[in-house]
Amino acid sequence: QAQLVESGGGLVQPGGSLTLSCVGSERRLAQWTIRWYRQAPGKQREFVAEIYVNAKTRVATSVQDRFTISRDVYANRVDLQMTNLKPEDTPVYYCILAHYDLWGQGTQISVSP
């Protein structure tokens, strides 16, 4: 069964950086639109970024000056580079293969002094 596995979450201080990774099994991620969403407890799911088959990207306005999405075709991986992290960036991050609505298990980040 195809899977997406996120990694890279953890604890970081405000202003710090993290890179989240999403690795696919059984499906070549470069052939599909891959999205990152995030969700904090008790809040609605929030779109973060997506990368298309043609490698163009779209990043949510709220984070576009701090987050970048990219793809490593050979590693079958999509990364979300996050800089200048703020406490409100804290929730669980999920990657999604949009066409099949296939979700990973999520990776948690915590931004705290």
Protein backbone atom coordinates (compact mmCIF):
# COMPACT_ATOMS: atom_id res chain seq x y z
CA GLN A 1 0.00 0.00 0.00
CA ALA A 2 1.34 3.39 -0.95
CA GLN A 3 2.49 5.51 1.95
CA LEU A 4 3.79 8.95 2.70
CA VAL A 5 6.14 9.35 5.65
CA GLU A 6 6.93 12.75 7.12
CA SER A 7 9.98 13.47 9.21
CA GLY A 8 12.02 16.38 10.49
CA GLY A 9 9.78 17.68 13.21
CA GLY A 10 11.05 18.61 16.61
CA LEU A 11 11.63 21.39 19.09
CA VAL A 12 13.08 24.67 17.89
CA GLN A 13 13.43 28.13 19.37
CA PRO A 14 11.62 31.11 17.89
CA GLY A 15 13.57 32.38 14.92
CA GLY A 16 15.01 28.96 14.23
CA SER A 17 14.71 26.78 11.14
CA LEU A 18 13.54 23.28 10.34
CA THR A 19 13.18 21.23 7.20
CA LEU A 20 10.37 18.73 7.04
CA SER A 21 10.58 15.87 4.59
CA CYS A 22 7.94 13.72 2.96
CA VAL A 23 9.07 10.46 1.41
CA GLY A 24 6.84 8.34 -0.76
CA SER A 25 6.72 4.59 -1.14
CA GLU A 26 5.35 2.91 -4.24
CA ARG A 27 4.46 6.20 -5.93
CA ARG A 28 6.81 8.61 -7.57
CA LEU A 29 6.04 11.90 -5.90
CA ALA A 30 7.28 13.89 -8.89
CA GLN A 31 4.33 12.61 -10.89
CA TRP A 32 1.79 14.20 -8.58
CA THR A 33 0.92 17.41 -6.82
CA ILE A 34 2.18 17.17 -3.25
CA ARG A 35 0.80 19.44 -0.56
CA TRP A 36 1.71 20.32 2.99
CA TYR A 37 -1.02 21.14 5.47
CA ARG A 38 -0.81 21.84 9.16
CA GLN A 39 -3.30 21.54 11.96
CA ALA A 40 -3.16 22.71 15.54
CA PRO A 41 -5.33 21.14 18.24
CA GLY A 42 -8.85 22.51 18.09
CA LYS A 43 -8.19 24.46 14.91
CA GLN A 44 -9.03 23.97 11.27
CA ARG A 45 -6.60 22.38 8.93
CA GLU A 46 -4.51 25.02 7.15
CA PHE A 47 -2.93 24.85 3.72
CA VAL A 48 0.80 25.56 3.79
CA ALA A 49 2.33 24.83 0.39
CA GLU A 50 2.18 22.65 -2.69
CA ILE A 51 4.43 21.64 -5.54
CA TYR A 52 3.11 20.65 -8.96
CA VAL A 53 4.31 18.15 -11.48
CA ASN A 54 5.97 20.94 -13.46
CA ALA A 55 7.85 21.90 -10.26
CA LYS A 56 6.02 25.16 -9.85
CA THR A 57 5.06 25.91 -6.29
CA ARG A 58 2.46 27.76 -4.30
CA VAL A 59 2.94 28.82 -0.71
CA ALA A 60 0.32 30.21 1.64
CA THR A 61 0.47 33.96 1.90
CA SER A 62 0.82 33.75 5.67
CA VAL A 63 4.17 31.94 5.42
CA GLN A 64 5.46 32.65 1.92
CA ASP A 65 8.26 34.86 3.16
CA ARG A 66 9.53 32.11 5.46
CA PHE A 67 8.63 28.72 3.97
CA THR A 68 9.81 27.06 0.77
CA ILE A 69 8.70 23.80 -0.79
CA SER A 70 11.01 21.77 -2.99
CA ARG A 71 11.39 18.31 -4.45
CA ASP A 72 14.22 15.80 -4.79
CA VAL A 73 13.16 13.55 -7.63
CA TYR A 74 15.90 10.96 -7.08
CA ALA A 75 15.14 10.64 -3.38
CA ASN A 76 11.38 10.61 -4.08
CA ARG A 77 11.06 13.31 -1.45
CA VAL A 78 9.33 16.65 -1.00
CA ASP A 79 10.78 19.05 1.54
CA LEU A 80 9.31 22.00 3.38
CA GLN A 81 12.02 24.42 4.46
CA MET A 82 10.87 26.65 7.29
CA THR A 83 12.82 29.62 8.58
CA ASN A 84 12.24 32.28 11.22
CA LEU A 85 9.83 29.98 12.99
CA LYS A 86 7.24 31.44 15.31
CA PRO A 87 5.19 29.91 18.13
CA GLU A 88 2.12 29.91 15.87
CA ASP A 89 3.96 27.55 13.48
CA THR A 90 3.76 24.85 16.11
CA PRO A 91 1.11 22.36 14.92
CA VAL A 92 1.33 18.96 13.24
CA TYR A 93 2.41 19.06 9.59
CA TYR A 94 1.07 16.60 7.04
CA CYS A 95 2.05 15.91 3.47
CA ILE A 96 -0.61 14.85 1.03
CA LEU A 97 -0.59 13.28 -2.40
CA ALA A 98 -3.46 15.36 -3.67
CA HIS A 99 -4.79 13.15 -6.46
CA TYR A 100 -5.45 10.21 -4.15
CA ASP A 101 -6.03 12.26 -1.01
CA LEU A 102 -3.28 10.16 0.53
CA TRP A 103 -2.01 11.53 3.84
CA GLY A 104 1.07 10.84 5.87
CA GLN A 105 0.97 10.31 9.63
CA GLY A 106 2.16 13.84 10.34
CA THR A 107 5.18 15.30 12.05
CA GLN A 108 5.00 17.62 15.04
CA ILE A 109 7.00 20.76 15.49
CA SER A 110 7.18 22.84 18.62
CA VAL A 111 8.44 26.41 18.59
CA SER A 112 9.26 27.48 22.09
CA PRO A 113 11.96 29.47 23.91
